[in-house]
Amino acid sequence: MTTRTTSYNKPVRAEAARPVEPARPAAPPAPRTANDLPAGLRAHDSRLLTSSLAPMPELTPEALRAEIARIAPARIPALTQHLVEATTNAQQTQSLAPLKASVHSWAVFVAIERHPQRAARLRELERILIRNSPEVMVALEDARAGGNGT
């Protein structure tokens, strides 16, 4: 060890530098099985454990637009309209919250639609819910129309 002094003339002990060990590669993740899923999802989603999906895109309008163009091109006009409205609201409120909410909502859409079986099951469950609850049907129609429930 060596001794050096600080600007206050107090001796400080300095240790010799230790060599940095190279990072070890991470172990591959353990294989997932259907038993890793909750019981209610096993029948529907076990086949998705081995699917080779590309990673989720970055949470930016450009990256989400590219992914939506790939998985659901018919939804691009809705995405564009939603982003225009969010930009207008962000300017009016001088807040990024509307843009963040828009990006989040489209990220959820992408996360669902990237798994066609899950998306189909979600739509099926929504249809069942709508048939069995008129209040839910009205609320969903209002939400799809962009209303505020009044």
Foldseek 3Di string as FASTA:
>chain_A
DDWDADPVRDIDDDDDDDDDDDDDDDDDDDQDALVVDPPVCSVQCRVVSPDDFDDQFDLDLVRLLVLCCVQPVVCNVVLVVQQVVLVVVCVVVVHNVSVSVSSVVSSVVSVQSSDVSSVVVVVVVLVVVVVVDVVSVVVVVCVVVVHDSD
